[in-house]
Amino acid sequence: MGPTVLLRDVRDDRLAACCQVADWGAMSVDLDRNVVLRGEAELVERAGPLFLASEEFACAAADTRTWALPGARERIVAERRRTRPGPAVRKLYGPAALADEESERHLVELANAGARVRICPTPLPHETIIVDGRVAILAGPAVPGDAREYTVVRSPGVVRGVVSLFRATWETSTELADHRRDRPPALSEESRRILALLGGGLKDEAAARRLGMSLRTYRRRVAEILVLLDADSRFQAGLRAHEFGLLT
């Protein structure tokens, strides 16, 4: 599976400037020409400036594991924050994005940071990112031992079709907060043990020793659990845990 990046109508001169910065010289200015990039490193090098220049950014993905290149997404986000305000973001994921605690916490943090996040009721066959509706970057399937291919699509008709599919899927999906409201979070066994110790009234120092972790790590883990339970306090977390049957 792979991302699709769409760029909304922006001024031609701005798009041209972005392409120059990205060293897209090898790519034809012909809007009907598609270009294949090999591997995430080339994707970041050639298309990264397009992400940085976006005003609207949306994506659809089966889960949150869309980048194999360590730190690639984080570097793009950090550079964007350093140079200009972030774009308006919409993110659409399949149910697998909530299958584990780390992924669910990531989505909650995205939503808390201002992104609109929705969950599609059925698995998504391909990841899709939308940045302004003018260019689409389609990733091919991951092939063990080989570089993943990313096709840069600039044909207006094809891009409009991808945008239409995204919008139709978005409209039939559920806001993250609504989807999570009546379901328990995907807590790990460690998190469930921490919840049990909280419910038992054990002090942090004693609980950390029992779990074999530092006090700092224990308190960080407690804070992460509160995020997953949408709780502002440990007391509220306990109430939410009882509502979901997480404490027996």
C-alpha atoms as a PDB file:
ATOM      1  CA  MET A   1       0.000   0.000   0.000  1.00  0.00           C
ATOM      2  CA  GLY A   2       1.195   3.549  -0.499  1.00  0.00           C
ATOM      3  CA  PRO A   3       0.402   7.203  -0.148  1.00  0.00           C
ATOM      4  CA  THR A   4      -1.272   9.353  -2.749  1.00  0.00           C
ATOM      5  CA  VAL A   5      -0.516  13.041  -2.544  1.00  0.00           C
ATOM      6  CA  LEU A   6      -2.886  15.542  -4.157  1.00  0.00           C
ATOM      7  CA  LEU A   7      -2.185  19.221  -4.617  1.00  0.00           C
ATOM      8  CA  ARG A   8      -5.103  21.685  -4.793  1.00  0.00           C
ATOM      9  CA  ASP A   9      -5.178  24.400  -7.422  1.00  0.00           C
ATOM     10  CA  VAL A  10      -2.434  26.862  -6.548  1.00  0.00           C
ATOM     11  CA  ARG A  11      -0.882  29.560  -8.701  1.00  0.00           C
ATOM     12  CA  ASP A  12       1.206  28.143 -11.546  1.00  0.00           C
ATOM     13  CA  ASP A  13       4.173  30.259 -10.570  1.00  0.00           C
ATOM     14  CA  ARG A  14       4.107  28.879  -7.025  1.00  0.00           C
ATOM     15  CA  LEU A  15       3.953  25.304  -8.262  1.00  0.00           C
ATOM     16  CA  ALA A  16       6.830  25.950 -10.651  1.00  0.00           C
ATOM     17  CA  ALA A  17       8.906  27.386  -7.825  1.00  0.00           C
ATOM     18  CA  CYS A  18       8.267  24.316  -5.698  1.00  0.00           C
ATOM     19  CA  CYS A  19       9.328  22.035  -8.542  1.00  0.00           C
ATOM     20  CA  GLN A  20      12.564  23.984  -8.994  1.00  0.00           C
ATOM     21  CA  VAL A  21      13.401  23.683  -5.322  1.00  0.00           C
ATOM     22  CA  ALA A  22      12.668  19.966  -5.473  1.00  0.00           C
ATOM     23  CA  ASP A  23      15.042  19.612  -8.465  1.00  0.00           C
ATOM     24  CA  TRP A  24      12.278  18.289 -10.672  1.00  0.00           C
ATOM     25  CA  GLY A  25      14.283  19.309 -13.727  1.00  0.00           C
ATOM     26  CA  ALA A  26      14.207  15.771 -15.090  1.00  0.00           C
ATOM     27  CA  MET A  27      10.409  15.871 -15.058  1.00  0.00           C
ATOM     28  CA  SER A  28       8.587  17.289 -18.036  1.00  0.00           C
ATOM     29  CA  VAL A  29       6.406  20.354 -17.555  1.00  0.00           C
ATOM     30  CA  ASP A  30       3.787  18.422 -19.553  1.00  0.00           C
ATOM     31  CA  LEU A  31       0.872  18.057 -17.130  1.00  0.00           C
ATOM     32  CA  ASP A  32      -0.063  14.704 -18.636  1.00  0.00           C
ATOM     33  CA  ARG A  33       3.297  13.100 -17.935  1.00  0.00           C
ATOM     34  CA  ASN A  34       3.677  10.743 -14.967  1.00  0.00           C
ATOM     35  CA  VAL A  35       7.028  10.156 -13.265  1.00  0.00           C
ATOM     36  CA  VAL A  36       8.082   7.169 -11.186  1.00  0.00           C
ATOM     37  CA  LEU A  37      10.279   7.675  -8.108  1.00  0.00           C
ATOM     38  CA  ARG A  38      12.042   4.733  -6.484  1.00  0.00           C
ATOM     39  CA  GLY A  39      12.206   4.536  -2.713  1.00  0.00           C
ATOM     40  CA  GLU A  40      11.221   6.877   0.085  1.00  0.00           C
ATOM     41  CA  ALA A  41      14.560   8.696   0.030  1.00  0.00           C
ATOM     42  CA  GLU A  42      13.923   9.871  -3.543  1.00  0.00           C
ATOM     43  CA  LEU A  43      10.314  10.674  -2.669  1.00  0.00           C
ATOM     44  CA  VAL A  44      11.421  12.920   0.194  1.00  0.00           C
ATOM     45  CA  GLU A  45      14.139  14.578  -1.895  1.00  0.00           C
ATOM     46  CA  ARG A  46      12.033  15.238  -4.978  1.00  0.00           C
ATOM     47  CA  ALA A  47       8.545  15.776  -3.558  1.00  0.00           C
ATOM     48  CA  GLY A  48       9.298  17.023  -0.052  1.00  0.00           C
ATOM     49  CA  PRO A  49       9.130  20.720  -1.047  1.00  0.00           C
ATOM     50  CA  LEU A  50       5.640  20.141  -2.447  1.00  0.00           C
ATOM     51  CA  PHE A  51       4.530  18.918   0.966  1.00  0.00           C
ATOM     52  CA  LEU A  52       6.165  21.928   2.595  1.00  0.00           C
ATOM     53  CA  ALA A  53       4.337  24.352   0.279  1.00  0.00           C
ATOM     54  CA  SER A  54       0.891  22.834   0.757  1.00  0.00           C
ATOM     55  CA  GLU A  55      -2.063  24.748   2.144  1.00  0.00           C
ATOM     56  CA  GLU A  56      -4.379  21.745   2.478  1.00  0.00           C
ATOM     57  CA  PHE A  57      -3.157  18.256   3.233  1.00  0.00           C
ATOM     58  CA  ALA A  58      -5.316  15.159   3.434  1.00  0.00           C
ATOM     59  CA  CYS A  59      -4.494  11.482   3.383  1.00  0.00           C
ATOM     60  CA  ALA A  60      -6.133   8.077   3.472  1.00  0.00           C
ATOM     61  CA  ALA A  61      -4.290   5.013   4.734  1.00  0.00           C
ATOM     62  CA  ALA A  62      -4.978   1.512   5.947  1.00  0.00           C
ATOM     63  CA  ASP A  63      -2.991   2.207   9.119  1.00  0.00           C
ATOM     64  CA  THR A  64      -0.411   4.626  10.510  1.00  0.00           C
ATOM     65  CA  ARG A  65       2.644   2.691   9.302  1.00  0.00           C
ATOM     66  CA  THR A  66       3.029   4.512   6.000  1.00  0.00           C
ATOM     67  CA  TRP A  67       6.721   5.463   6.152  1.00  0.00           C
ATOM     68  CA  ALA A  68       9.490   2.866   6.378  1.00  0.00           C
ATOM     69  CA  LEU A  69      12.310   5.409   6.151  1.00  0.00           C
ATOM     70  CA  PRO A  70      13.248   6.267   9.764  1.00  0.00           C
ATOM     71  CA  GLY A  71      12.425   9.852  10.686  1.00  0.00           C
ATOM     72  CA  ALA A  72      11.305  10.909   7.172  1.00  0.00           C
ATOM     73  CA  ARG A  73       7.844  12.093   8.134  1.00  0.00           C
ATOM     74  CA  GLU A  74       9.109  13.712  11.325  1.00  0.00           C
ATOM     75  CA  ARG A  75      11.745  15.721   9.434  1.00  0.00           C
ATOM     76  CA  ILE A  76       9.184  17.014   6.942  1.00  0.00           C
ATOM     77  CA  VAL A  77       6.801  18.025   9.732  1.00  0.00           C
ATOM     78  CA  ALA A  78       9.590  19.700  11.721  1.00  0.00           C
ATOM     79  CA  GLU A  79      10.777  21.662   8.666  1.00  0.00           C
ATOM     80  CA  ARG A  80       7.222  22.770   7.900  1.00  0.00           C
ATOM     81  CA  ARG A  81       6.714  24.027  11.440  1.00  0.00           C
ATOM     82  CA  ARG A  82      10.010  25.896  11.289  1.00  0.00           C
ATOM     83  CA  THR A  83       9.246  27.741   8.059  1.00  0.00           C
ATOM     84  CA  ARG A  84       5.487  28.397   8.008  1.00  0.00           C
ATOM     85  CA  PRO A  85       2.159  27.575   9.664  1.00  0.00           C
ATOM     86  CA  GLY A  86       0.905  24.060   9.132  1.00  0.00           C
ATOM     87  CA  PRO A  87      -1.674  23.256   6.438  1.00  0.00           C
ATOM     88  CA  ALA A  88      -5.288  22.317   7.060  1.00  0.00           C
ATOM     89  CA  VAL A  89      -5.103  18.552   7.553  1.00  0.00           C
ATOM     90  CA  ARG A  90      -7.605  15.767   6.992  1.00  0.00           C
ATOM     91  CA  LYS A  91      -6.620  12.151   7.650  1.00  0.00           C
ATOM     92  CA  LEU A  92      -8.689   9.095   6.824  1.00  0.00           C
ATOM     93  CA  TYR A  93      -7.777   5.657   8.165  1.00  0.00           C
ATOM     94  CA  GLY A  94      -9.120   2.132   8.103  1.00  0.00           C
ATOM     95  CA  PRO A  95     -10.059   0.224  11.289  1.00  0.00           C
ATOM     96  CA  ALA A  96      -6.542  -1.246  11.508  1.00  0.00           C
ATOM     97  CA  ALA A  97      -5.254   2.184  12.540  1.00  0.00           C
ATOM     98  CA  LEU A  98      -6.864   1.608  15.947  1.00  0.00           C
ATOM     99  CA  ALA A  99      -5.669  -1.979  16.363  1.00  0.00           C
ATOM    100  CA  ASP A 100      -2.929  -1.204  18.897  1.00  0.00           C
ATOM    101  CA  GLU A 101      -2.243   1.323  21.618  1.00  0.00           C
ATOM    102  CA  GLU A 102       0.604   3.157  19.904  1.00  0.00           C
ATOM    103  CA  SER A 103      -1.364   3.716  16.700  1.00  0.00           C
ATOM    104  CA  GLU A 104      -4.493   4.863  18.510  1.00  0.00           C
ATOM    105  CA  ARG A 105      -2.523   7.275  20.656  1.00  0.00           C
ATOM    106  CA  HIS A 106      -0.896   8.673  17.512  1.00  0.00           C
ATOM    107  CA  LEU A 107      -4.304   9.380  15.963  1.00  0.00           C
ATOM    108  CA  VAL A 108      -5.555  11.015  19.154  1.00  0.00           C
ATOM    109  CA  GLU A 109      -2.472  13.234  19.235  1.00  0.00           C
ATOM    110  CA  LEU A 110      -3.030  14.193  15.586  1.00  0.00           C
ATOM    111  CA  ALA A 111      -6.607  15.182  16.350  1.00  0.00           C
ATOM    112  CA  ASN A 112      -5.549  17.129  19.439  1.00  0.00           C
ATOM    113  CA  ALA A 113      -3.014  18.994  17.285  1.00  0.00           C
ATOM    114  CA  GLY A 114      -5.782  20.227  14.988  1.00  0.00           C
ATOM    115  CA  ALA A 115      -6.039  17.592  12.268  1.00  0.00           C
ATOM    116  CA  ARG A 116      -9.447  16.256  11.290  1.00  0.00           C
ATOM    117  CA  VAL A 117      -9.277  12.483  11.599  1.00  0.00           C
ATOM    118  CA  ARG A 118     -11.940  10.061  10.409  1.00  0.00           C
ATOM    119  CA  ILE A 119     -12.227   6.276  10.464  1.00  0.00           C
ATOM    120  CA  CYS A 120     -13.495   4.454   7.385  1.00  0.00           C
ATOM    121  CA  PRO A 121     -15.803   1.526   8.275  1.00  0.00           C
ATOM    122  CA  THR A 122     -13.997  -0.805   5.864  1.00  0.00           C
ATOM    123  CA  PRO A 123     -10.290  -1.436   5.235  1.00  0.00           C
ATOM    124  CA  LEU A 124      -8.684   0.928   2.730  1.00  0.00           C
ATOM    125  CA  PRO A 125      -6.783  -0.741  -0.111  1.00  0.00           C
ATOM    126  CA  HIS A 126      -4.317   2.116  -0.605  1.00  0.00           C
ATOM    127  CA  GLU A 127      -2.943   5.027   1.399  1.00  0.00           C
ATOM    128  CA  THR A 128      -3.823   8.445   0.036  1.00  0.00           C
ATOM    129  CA  ILE A 129      -2.507  11.897   0.977  1.00  0.00           C
ATOM    130  CA  ILE A 130      -4.189  15.019  -0.355  1.00  0.00           C
ATOM    131  CA  VAL A 131      -2.256  18.265  -0.548  1.00  0.00           C
ATOM    132  CA  ASP A 132      -4.152  20.851  -2.562  1.00  0.00           C
ATOM    133  CA  GLY A 133      -5.568  18.733  -5.449  1.00  0.00           C
ATOM    134  CA  ARG A 134      -3.164  19.335  -8.313  1.00  0.00           C
ATOM    135  CA  VAL A 135      -0.579  16.549  -8.171  1.00  0.00           C
ATOM    136  CA  ALA A 136      -1.049  12.959  -7.010  1.00  0.00           C
ATOM    137  CA  ILE A 137       1.742  10.741  -5.739  1.00  0.00           C
ATOM    138  CA  LEU A 138       0.679   7.096  -5.796  1.00  0.00           C
ATOM    139  CA  ALA A 139       2.794   4.516  -3.994  1.00  0.00           C
ATOM    140  CA  GLY A 140       3.039   0.985  -5.229  1.00  0.00           C
ATOM    141  CA  PRO A 141       2.956  -2.081  -2.974  1.00  0.00           C
ATOM    142  CA  ALA A 142       5.878  -2.735  -0.658  1.00  0.00           C
ATOM    143  CA  VAL A 143       8.191  -5.382  -2.131  1.00  0.00           C
ATOM    144  CA  PRO A 144      10.580  -7.146   0.292  1.00  0.00           C
ATOM    145  CA  GLY A 145      14.178  -6.417  -0.642  1.00  0.00           C
ATOM    146  CA  ASP A 146      13.285  -3.843  -3.274  1.00  0.00           C
ATOM    147  CA  ALA A 147      12.631  -0.092  -3.311  1.00  0.00           C
ATOM    148  CA  ARG A 148       9.002   0.945  -3.283  1.00  0.00           C
ATOM    149  CA  GLU A 149       7.811   2.870  -6.319  1.00  0.00           C
ATOM    150  CA  TYR A 150       5.947   6.184  -6.144  1.00  0.00           C
ATOM    151  CA  THR A 151       4.235   7.495  -9.263  1.00  0.00           C
ATOM    152  CA  VAL A 152       3.895  11.265  -9.517  1.00  0.00           C
ATOM    153  CA  VAL A 153       0.649  11.902 -11.391  1.00  0.00           C
ATOM    154  CA  ARG A 154      -0.071  15.354 -12.817  1.00  0.00           C
ATOM    155  CA  SER A 155      -2.770  14.523 -15.340  1.00  0.00           C
ATOM    156  CA  PRO A 156      -5.707  16.730 -14.246  1.00  0.00           C
ATOM    157  CA  GLY A 157      -8.317  14.113 -15.126  1.00  0.00           C
ATOM    158  CA  VAL A 158      -6.647  11.389 -13.080  1.00  0.00           C
ATOM    159  CA  VAL A 159      -6.097  13.700 -10.116  1.00  0.00           C
ATOM    160  CA  ARG A 160      -9.735  14.809 -10.172  1.00  0.00           C
ATOM    161  CA  GLY A 161     -10.801  11.152 -10.082  1.00  0.00           C
ATOM    162  CA  VAL A 162      -8.610  10.399  -7.063  1.00  0.00           C
ATOM    163  CA  VAL A 163      -9.914  13.493  -5.280  1.00  0.00           C
ATOM    164  CA  SER A 164     -13.502  12.450  -5.947  1.00  0.00           C
ATOM    165  CA  LEU A 165     -12.880   8.981  -4.510  1.00  0.00           C
ATOM    166  CA  PHE A 166     -11.309  10.454  -1.396  1.00  0.00           C
ATOM    167  CA  ARG A 167     -14.203  12.858  -0.858  1.00  0.00           C
ATOM    168  CA  ALA A 168     -16.803  10.115  -1.292  1.00  0.00           C
ATOM    169  CA  THR A 169     -15.022   7.879   1.227  1.00  0.00           C
ATOM    170  CA  TRP A 170     -14.533  10.780   3.642  1.00  0.00           C
ATOM    171  CA  GLU A 171     -18.245  11.580   3.631  1.00  0.00           C
ATOM    172  CA  THR A 172     -19.179   8.008   4.596  1.00  0.00           C
ATOM    173  CA  SER A 173     -16.605   7.810   7.409  1.00  0.00           C
ATOM    174  CA  THR A 174     -16.822   8.703  11.099  1.00  0.00           C
ATOM    175  CA  GLU A 175     -15.003  11.391  13.056  1.00  0.00           C
ATOM    176  CA  LEU A 176     -12.345   9.844  15.304  1.00  0.00           C
ATOM    177  CA  ALA A 177     -13.938  11.133  18.522  1.00  0.00           C
ATOM    178  CA  ASP A 178     -17.320   9.668  17.579  1.00  0.00           C
ATOM    179  CA  HIS A 179     -15.784   6.354  16.564  1.00  0.00           C
ATOM    180  CA  ARG A 180     -13.889   6.052  19.857  1.00  0.00           C
ATOM    181  CA  ARG A 181     -16.671   7.261  22.125  1.00  0.00           C
ATOM    182  CA  ASP A 182     -18.379   3.907  22.651  1.00  0.00           C
ATOM    183  CA  ARG A 183     -15.435   1.544  22.303  1.00  0.00           C
ATOM    184  CA  PRO A 184     -12.590   0.758  24.701  1.00  0.00           C
ATOM    185  CA  PRO A 185      -9.109   1.893  23.687  1.00  0.00           C
ATOM    186  CA  ALA A 186      -6.622  -0.697  22.449  1.00  0.00           C
ATOM    187  CA  LEU A 187      -4.649  -0.968  25.690  1.00  0.00           C
ATOM    188  CA  SER A 188      -1.608  -3.233  25.949  1.00  0.00           C
ATOM    189  CA  GLU A 189      -1.228  -5.749  28.759  1.00  0.00           C
ATOM    190  CA  GLU A 190       1.241  -3.416  30.456  1.00  0.00           C
ATOM    191  CA  SER A 191      -1.274  -0.574  30.351  1.00  0.00           C
ATOM    192  CA  ARG A 192      -3.941  -2.800  31.847  1.00  0.00           C
ATOM    193  CA  ARG A 193      -1.584  -3.687  34.705  1.00  0.00           C
ATOM    194  CA  ILE A 194      -0.897  -0.007  35.296  1.00  0.00           C
ATOM    195  CA  LEU A 195      -4.635   0.687  35.345  1.00  0.00           C
ATOM    196  CA  ALA A 196      -5.117  -2.076  37.919  1.00  0.00           C
ATOM    197  CA  LEU A 197      -2.429  -0.581  40.153  1.00  0.00           C
ATOM    198  CA  LEU A 198      -4.001   2.856  39.825  1.00  0.00           C
ATOM    199  CA  GLY A 199      -7.341   1.385  40.770  1.00  0.00           C
ATOM    200  CA  GLY A 200      -5.771  -0.270  43.791  1.00  0.00           C
ATOM    201  CA  GLY A 201      -4.532   3.058  45.120  1.00  0.00           C
ATOM    202  CA  LEU A 202      -0.847   2.105  44.967  1.00  0.00           C
ATOM    203  CA  LYS A 203       1.546   5.040  45.133  1.00  0.00           C
ATOM    204  CA  ASP A 204       3.588   5.792  42.038  1.00  0.00           C
ATOM    205  CA  GLU A 205       6.905   4.753  43.575  1.00  0.00           C
ATOM    206  CA  ALA A 206       5.555   1.392  44.705  1.00  0.00           C
ATOM    207  CA  ALA A 207       3.738   0.776  41.430  1.00  0.00           C
ATOM    208  CA  ALA A 208       6.868   1.561  39.401  1.00  0.00           C
ATOM    209  CA  ARG A 209       8.934  -0.869  41.484  1.00  0.00           C
ATOM    210  CA  ARG A 210       6.331  -3.606  41.078  1.00  0.00           C
ATOM    211  CA  LEU A 211       6.370  -3.158  37.306  1.00  0.00           C
ATOM    212  CA  GLY A 212      10.160  -2.954  37.130  1.00  0.00           C
ATOM    213  CA  MET A 213      10.286   0.505  35.565  1.00  0.00           C
ATOM    214  CA  SER A 214      11.600   3.894  36.589  1.00  0.00           C
ATOM    215  CA  LEU A 215       9.283   6.385  38.272  1.00  0.00           C
ATOM    216  CA  ARG A 216       9.642   8.704  35.280  1.00  0.00           C
ATOM    217  CA  THR A 217       8.663   5.956  32.845  1.00  0.00           C
ATOM    218  CA  TYR A 218       5.722   4.937  34.998  1.00  0.00           C
ATOM    219  CA  ARG A 219       4.343   8.469  35.147  1.00  0.00           C
ATOM    220  CA  ARG A 220       4.815   8.879  31.394  1.00  0.00           C
ATOM    221  CA  ARG A 221       2.889   5.669  30.811  1.00  0.00           C
ATOM    222  CA  VAL A 222       0.105   6.850  33.124  1.00  0.00           C
ATOM    223  CA  ALA A 223      -0.132  10.091  31.128  1.00  0.00           C
ATOM    224  CA  GLU A 224      -0.374   8.102  27.878  1.00  0.00           C
ATOM    225  CA  ILE A 225      -3.195   5.990  29.291  1.00  0.00           C
ATOM    226  CA  LEU A 226      -5.086   9.120  30.307  1.00  0.00           C
ATOM    227  CA  VAL A 227      -4.842  10.329  26.698  1.00  0.00           C
ATOM    228  CA  LEU A 228      -6.282   7.057  25.393  1.00  0.00           C
ATOM    229  CA  LEU A 229      -9.128   7.199  27.910  1.00  0.00           C
ATOM    230  CA  ASP A 230      -9.844  10.875  27.145  1.00  0.00           C
ATOM    231  CA  ALA A 231      -9.429  11.534  30.859  1.00  0.00           C
ATOM    232  CA  ASP A 232      -8.254  14.745  32.507  1.00  0.00           C
ATOM    233  CA  SER A 233      -7.376  13.058  35.793  1.00  0.00           C
ATOM    234  CA  ARG A 234      -6.555   9.647  37.230  1.00  0.00           C
ATOM    235  CA  PHE A 235      -9.944   9.573  38.924  1.00  0.00           C
ATOM    236  CA  GLN A 236     -11.700  10.182  35.611  1.00  0.00           C
ATOM    237  CA  ALA A 237      -9.509   7.548  33.990  1.00  0.00           C
ATOM    238  CA  GLY A 238     -10.672   5.057  36.598  1.00  0.00           C
ATOM    239  CA  LEU A 239     -14.309   5.849  35.864  1.00  0.00           C
ATOM    240  CA  ARG A 240     -13.753   5.449  32.132  1.00  0.00           C
ATOM    241  CA  ALA A 241     -11.902   2.186  32.669  1.00  0.00           C
ATOM    242  CA  HIS A 242     -14.841   0.814  34.678  1.00  0.00           C
ATOM    243  CA  GLU A 243     -17.295   1.927  31.983  1.00  0.00           C
ATOM    244  CA  PHE A 244     -15.346  -0.043  29.380  1.00  0.00           C
ATOM    245  CA  GLY A 245     -14.858  -3.068  31.613  1.00  0.00           C
ATOM    246  CA  LEU A 246     -11.103  -2.659  31.646  1.00  0.00           C
ATOM    247  CA  LEU A 247     -10.933  -3.182  35.403  1.00  0.00           C
ATOM    248  CA  THR A 248     -12.205  -6.405  36.899  1.00  0.00           C
END
